[in-house]
């Protein structure tokens, strides 16, 4: 997939209330119905709670693609979508995402 493909998919998915609720959830705990064993899952989205107006997103990583992220922010009555692919580290994906979202909000 290209960055444009991922941005289009995220733009479409952001129209769904349940999707937005899920990607804004940092942790979720639940129990197995058959044996009552408890589980807690954690989001890999380190941007949650770090930027005003940040709505959430989806992380990714493969050897070929590197660290990737598609995320969205709502500011000034507009929704901004950022996609970064091929980042060398997880921290660089967050830095690049912040830079792109802030640039979009400041200039569009």
N, C-alpha and C. Protein backbone atom coordinates (compact mmCIF):
# COMPACT_ATOMS: atom_id res chain seq x y z
N UNK A 1 0.84 -1.20 0.00
CA UNK A 1 0.00 0.00 0.00
C UNK A 1 0.87 1.24 0.00
N UNK A 2 0.38 2.27 -0.62
CA UNK A 2 1.09 3.55 -0.61
C UNK A 2 0.59 4.40 0.56
N UNK A 3 1.30 5.47 0.84
CA UNK A 3 0.86 6.41 1.88
C UNK A 3 -0.51 6.98 1.52
N UNK A 4 -0.75 7.27 0.25
CA UNK A 4 -2.05 7.78 -0.17
C UNK A 4 -3.15 6.75 0.06
N UNK A 5 -2.88 5.49 -0.26
CA UNK A 5 -3.87 4.43 0.00
C UNK A 5 -4.24 4.38 1.48
N UNK A 6 -3.24 4.41 2.34
CA UNK A 6 -3.49 4.34 3.78
C UNK A 6 -4.23 5.57 4.28
N UNK A 7 -3.90 6.74 3.76
CA UNK A 7 -4.61 7.96 4.15
C UNK A 7 -6.08 7.88 3.75
N UNK A 8 -6.36 7.36 2.56
CA UNK A 8 -7.75 7.22 2.11
C UNK A 8 -8.51 6.23 2.99
N UNK A 9 -7.86 5.13 3.36
CA UNK A 9 -8.52 4.15 4.23
C UNK A 9 -8.81 4.74 5.60
N UNK A 10 -7.85 5.47 6.16
CA UNK A 10 -8.05 6.08 7.47
C UNK A 10 -9.14 7.14 7.41
N UNK A 11 -9.14 7.95 6.35
CA UNK A 11 -10.19 8.97 6.21
C UNK A 11 -11.57 8.32 6.20
N UNK A 12 -11.72 7.21 5.49
CA UNK A 12 -13.00 6.50 5.44
C UNK A 12 -13.35 5.92 6.80
N UNK A 13 -12.38 5.26 7.44
CA UNK A 13 -12.63 4.61 8.73
C UNK A 13 -12.99 5.63 9.82
N UNK A 14 -12.43 6.83 9.75
CA UNK A 14 -12.68 7.85 10.77
C UNK A 14 -14.14 8.31 10.78
N UNK A 15 -14.91 7.98 9.77
CA UNK A 15 -16.33 8.33 9.74
C UNK A 15 -17.14 7.46 10.69
N UNK A 16 -16.58 6.35 11.13
CA UNK A 16 -17.29 5.40 11.99
C UNK A 16 -17.01 5.68 13.47
N UNK A 17 -18.07 5.91 14.24
CA UNK A 17 -17.92 6.24 15.66
C UNK A 17 -17.20 5.15 16.44
N UNK A 18 -17.54 3.88 16.19
CA UNK A 18 -16.92 2.78 16.93
C UNK A 18 -15.43 2.69 16.60
N UNK A 19 -15.07 2.87 15.35
CA UNK A 19 -13.66 2.85 14.97
C UNK A 19 -12.89 3.94 15.73
N UNK A 20 -13.44 5.16 15.75
CA UNK A 20 -12.77 6.25 16.46
C UNK A 20 -12.63 5.94 17.95
N UNK A 21 -13.65 5.34 18.54
CA UNK A 21 -13.59 4.98 19.95
C UNK A 21 -12.48 3.95 20.20
N UNK A 22 -12.40 2.97 19.32
CA UNK A 22 -11.40 1.91 19.49
C UNK A 22 -9.98 2.46 19.38
N UNK A 23 -9.71 3.29 18.37
CA UNK A 23 -8.32 3.77 18.19
C UNK A 23 -7.92 4.80 19.23
N UNK A 24 -8.88 5.32 19.99
CA UNK A 24 -8.56 6.26 21.06
C UNK A 24 -8.40 5.57 22.41
N UNK A 25 -8.52 4.25 22.43
CA UNK A 25 -8.44 3.48 23.66
C UNK A 25 -7.00 3.03 23.89
N UNK A 26 -6.42 3.43 25.02
CA UNK A 26 -5.04 3.08 25.33
C UNK A 26 -4.89 1.68 25.89
N UNK A 27 -5.83 1.26 26.74
CA UNK A 27 -5.82 -0.09 27.31
C UNK A 27 -7.25 -0.61 27.37
N UNK A 28 -7.37 -1.91 27.30
CA UNK A 28 -8.69 -2.53 27.37
C UNK A 28 -8.56 -3.86 28.10
N UNK A 29 -9.40 -4.08 29.11
CA UNK A 29 -9.38 -5.32 29.88
C UNK A 29 -10.67 -6.09 29.63
N UNK A 30 -10.53 -7.41 29.56
CA UNK A 30 -11.69 -8.27 29.33
C UNK A 30 -11.42 -9.65 29.92
N UNK A 31 -12.46 -10.45 30.02
CA UNK A 31 -12.35 -11.80 30.56
C UNK A 31 -12.82 -12.82 29.54
N UNK A 32 -12.17 -13.98 29.56
CA UNK A 32 -12.55 -15.08 28.69
C UNK A 32 -13.90 -15.62 29.17
N UNK A 33 -14.84 -15.80 28.26
CA UNK A 33 -16.18 -16.28 28.63
C UNK A 33 -16.16 -17.72 29.14
N UNK A 34 -15.25 -18.53 28.64
CA UNK A 34 -15.26 -19.95 29.02
C UNK A 34 -14.62 -20.23 30.38
N UNK A 35 -13.59 -19.46 30.76
CA UNK A 35 -12.92 -19.77 32.03
C UNK A 35 -12.73 -18.56 32.94
N UNK A 36 -13.16 -17.38 32.54
CA UNK A 36 -13.06 -16.19 33.37
C UNK A 36 -11.67 -15.58 33.46
N UNK A 37 -10.69 -16.16 32.77
CA UNK A 37 -9.33 -15.62 32.81
C UNK A 37 -9.31 -14.20 32.26
N UNK A 38 -8.64 -13.30 32.98
CA UNK A 38 -8.60 -11.90 32.58
C UNK A 38 -7.43 -11.57 31.68
N UNK A 39 -7.65 -10.64 30.80
CA UNK A 39 -6.63 -10.17 29.87
C UNK A 39 -6.68 -8.65 29.80
N UNK A 40 -5.54 -8.05 29.56
CA UNK A 40 -5.47 -6.62 29.28
C UNK A 40 -4.61 -6.44 28.04
N UNK A 41 -5.12 -5.66 27.10
CA UNK A 41 -4.37 -5.36 25.89
C UNK A 41 -4.04 -3.88 25.89
N UNK A 42 -2.91 -3.53 25.28
CA UNK A 42 -2.42 -2.16 25.29
C UNK A 42 -2.22 -1.68 23.85
N UNK A 43 -2.58 -0.44 23.59
CA UNK A 43 -2.36 0.16 22.29
C UNK A 43 -0.86 0.39 22.09
N UNK A 44 -0.41 0.25 20.86
CA UNK A 44 0.99 0.57 20.53
C UNK A 44 1.10 2.01 20.01
N UNK A 45 0.01 2.75 20.09
CA UNK A 45 -0.02 4.14 19.62
C UNK A 45 0.48 5.07 20.72
N UNK A 46 1.77 5.39 20.68
CA UNK A 46 2.38 6.25 21.70
C UNK A 46 1.96 7.71 21.58
N UNK A 47 1.24 8.07 20.53
CA UNK A 47 0.77 9.45 20.36
C UNK A 47 -0.46 9.74 21.23
N UNK A 48 -1.16 8.71 21.66
CA UNK A 48 -2.37 8.92 22.46
C UNK A 48 -2.06 9.77 23.69
N UNK A 49 -2.79 10.85 23.84
CA UNK A 49 -2.62 11.74 24.98
C UNK A 49 -1.42 12.68 24.87
N UNK A 50 -0.71 12.67 23.75
CA UNK A 50 0.50 13.47 23.63
C UNK A 50 0.31 14.78 22.86
N UNK A 51 -0.78 14.88 22.08
CA UNK A 51 -1.03 16.08 21.28
C UNK A 51 -2.47 16.50 21.45
N UNK A 52 -2.69 17.78 21.60
CA UNK A 52 -4.04 18.31 21.66
C UNK A 52 -4.77 17.99 20.36
N UNK A 53 -5.95 17.41 20.46
CA UNK A 53 -6.76 17.11 19.30
C UNK A 53 -6.43 15.80 18.61
N UNK A 54 -5.42 15.06 19.11
CA UNK A 54 -5.04 13.81 18.47
C UNK A 54 -6.16 12.78 18.61
N UNK A 55 -6.51 12.12 17.51
CA UNK A 55 -7.64 11.18 17.49
C UNK A 55 -7.22 9.72 17.54
N UNK A 56 -5.98 9.42 17.25
CA UNK A 56 -5.54 8.04 17.24
C UNK A 56 -5.08 7.61 15.87
N UNK A 57 -4.62 6.35 15.81
CA UNK A 57 -4.14 5.84 14.54
C UNK A 57 -3.72 4.40 14.65
N UNK A 58 -3.00 3.95 13.65
CA UNK A 58 -2.57 2.56 13.56
C UNK A 58 -1.08 2.48 13.30
N UNK A 59 -0.39 1.73 14.16
CA UNK A 59 1.04 1.50 13.99
C UNK A 59 1.28 0.30 13.08
N UNK A 60 2.49 0.20 12.58
CA UNK A 60 2.89 -0.96 11.81
C UNK A 60 4.39 -1.06 11.76
N UNK A 61 4.89 -2.27 11.52
CA UNK A 61 6.32 -2.48 11.35
C UNK A 61 6.55 -3.80 10.62
N UNK A 62 7.39 -3.76 9.63
CA UNK A 62 7.93 -4.97 9.02
C UNK A 62 9.38 -4.66 8.67
N UNK A 63 10.14 -5.71 8.40
CA UNK A 63 11.54 -5.52 8.04
C UNK A 63 11.66 -4.63 6.81
N UNK A 64 10.83 -4.87 5.80
CA UNK A 64 10.92 -4.10 4.57
C UNK A 64 10.35 -2.69 4.70
N UNK A 65 9.25 -2.54 5.43
CA UNK A 65 8.58 -1.24 5.52
C UNK A 65 9.12 -0.35 6.62
N UNK A 66 9.80 -0.91 7.60
CA UNK A 66 10.26 -0.12 8.74
C UNK A 66 9.11 0.22 9.67
N UNK A 67 9.29 1.24 10.47
CA UNK A 67 8.25 1.70 11.41
C UNK A 67 7.30 2.61 10.65
N UNK A 68 6.00 2.33 10.76
CA UNK A 68 4.99 3.07 10.01
C UNK A 68 3.87 3.52 10.94
N UNK A 69 3.14 4.54 10.51
CA UNK A 69 2.00 5.00 11.30
C UNK A 69 1.06 5.82 10.43
N UNK A 70 -0.22 5.57 10.61
CA UNK A 70 -1.28 6.40 10.00
C UNK A 70 -2.11 6.93 11.15
N UNK A 71 -2.20 8.25 11.27
CA UNK A 71 -2.91 8.85 12.40
C UNK A 71 -3.67 10.09 11.99
N UNK A 72 -4.54 10.53 12.91
CA UNK A 72 -5.38 11.69 12.62
C UNK A 72 -5.45 12.62 13.83
N UNK A 73 -5.67 13.90 13.53
CA UNK A 73 -5.81 14.93 14.56
C UNK A 73 -6.93 15.87 14.12
N UNK A 74 -7.72 16.32 15.08
CA UNK A 74 -8.78 17.29 14.81
C UNK A 74 -8.39 18.61 15.45
N UNK A 75 -8.30 19.66 14.62
CA UNK A 75 -7.91 20.97 15.11
C UNK A 75 -8.50 22.03 14.20
N UNK A 76 -8.91 23.14 14.78
CA UNK A 76 -9.47 24.26 14.02
C UNK A 76 -10.65 23.84 13.15
N UNK A 77 -11.42 22.86 13.63
CA UNK A 77 -12.59 22.40 12.90
C UNK A 77 -12.29 21.50 11.72
N UNK A 78 -11.03 21.09 11.57
CA UNK A 78 -10.63 20.23 10.46
C UNK A 78 -9.97 18.97 10.99
N UNK A 79 -10.04 17.90 10.21
CA UNK A 79 -9.34 16.66 10.54
C UNK A 79 -8.14 16.53 9.62
N UNK A 80 -6.99 16.31 10.22
CA UNK A 80 -5.73 16.16 9.49
C UNK A 80 -5.27 14.71 9.60
N UNK A 81 -4.83 14.14 8.49
CA UNK A 81 -4.35 12.77 8.47
C UNK A 81 -2.90 12.76 8.05
N UNK A 82 -2.11 11.99 8.76
CA UNK A 82 -0.69 11.85 8.47
C UNK A 82 -0.36 10.38 8.31
N UNK A 83 0.47 10.07 7.33
CA UNK A 83 0.97 8.70 7.13
C UNK A 83 2.48 8.79 6.98
N UNK A 84 3.19 8.02 7.79
CA UNK A 84 4.64 7.93 7.65
C UNK A 84 5.00 6.46 7.43
N UNK A 85 5.88 6.23 6.49
CA UNK A 85 6.32 4.88 6.12
C UNK A 85 7.84 4.84 6.10
N UNK A 86 8.40 3.71 6.44
CA UNK A 86 9.84 3.53 6.30
C UNK A 86 10.69 4.26 7.31
N UNK A 87 10.14 4.58 8.47
CA UNK A 87 10.94 5.27 9.50
C UNK A 87 11.95 4.30 10.10
N UNK A 88 13.11 4.83 10.45
CA UNK A 88 14.20 4.00 10.97
C UNK A 88 13.95 3.50 12.39
N UNK A 89 13.14 4.24 13.16
CA UNK A 89 12.88 3.86 14.55
C UNK A 89 11.46 4.25 14.92
N UNK A 90 11.01 3.69 16.03
CA UNK A 90 9.68 4.05 16.52
C UNK A 90 9.63 5.53 16.87
N UNK A 91 10.68 6.04 17.52
CA UNK A 91 10.71 7.46 17.89
C UNK A 91 10.66 8.36 16.66
N UNK A 92 11.33 7.98 15.60
CA UNK A 92 11.30 8.83 14.40
C UNK A 92 9.90 8.84 13.77
N UNK A 93 9.17 7.75 13.91
CA UNK A 93 7.79 7.74 13.38
C UNK A 93 6.92 8.73 14.15
N UNK A 94 7.11 8.80 15.48
CA UNK A 94 6.32 9.74 16.29
C UNK A 94 6.75 11.18 16.02
N UNK A 95 8.04 11.42 15.89
CA UNK A 95 8.54 12.77 15.58
C UNK A 95 8.01 13.25 14.22
N UNK A 96 8.09 12.39 13.22
CA UNK A 96 7.62 12.76 11.89
C UNK A 96 6.12 12.99 11.87
N UNK A 97 5.38 12.18 12.62
CA UNK A 97 3.92 12.35 12.69
C UNK A 97 3.57 13.68 13.33
N UNK A 98 4.20 14.02 14.45
CA UNK A 98 3.95 15.31 15.11
C UNK A 98 4.27 16.46 14.16
N UNK A 99 5.39 16.36 13.47
CA UNK A 99 5.80 17.42 12.55
C UNK A 99 4.76 17.61 11.44
N UNK A 100 4.32 16.53 10.83
CA UNK A 100 3.36 16.63 9.73
C UNK A 100 2.00 17.16 10.20
N UNK A 101 1.51 16.65 11.33
CA UNK A 101 0.20 17.10 11.83
C UNK A 101 0.25 18.57 12.24
N UNK A 102 1.32 18.97 12.92
CA UNK A 102 1.44 20.38 13.30
C UNK A 102 1.56 21.28 12.09
N UNK A 103 2.31 20.84 11.07
CA UNK A 103 2.44 21.62 9.86
C UNK A 103 1.08 21.79 9.17
N UNK A 104 0.34 20.69 9.06
CA UNK A 104 -0.98 20.77 8.44
C UNK A 104 -1.91 21.72 9.17
N UNK A 105 -1.93 21.62 10.49
CA UNK A 105 -2.81 22.48 11.28
C UNK A 105 -2.41 23.96 11.20
N UNK A 106 -1.13 24.21 11.07
CA UNK A 106 -0.64 25.60 11.03
C UNK A 106 -0.79 26.23 9.64
N UNK A 107 -0.90 25.42 8.61
CA UNK A 107 -0.85 25.95 7.25
C UNK A 107 -2.09 25.69 6.38
N UNK A 108 -3.03 24.92 6.88
CA UNK A 108 -4.21 24.62 6.05
C UNK A 108 -5.49 24.80 6.80
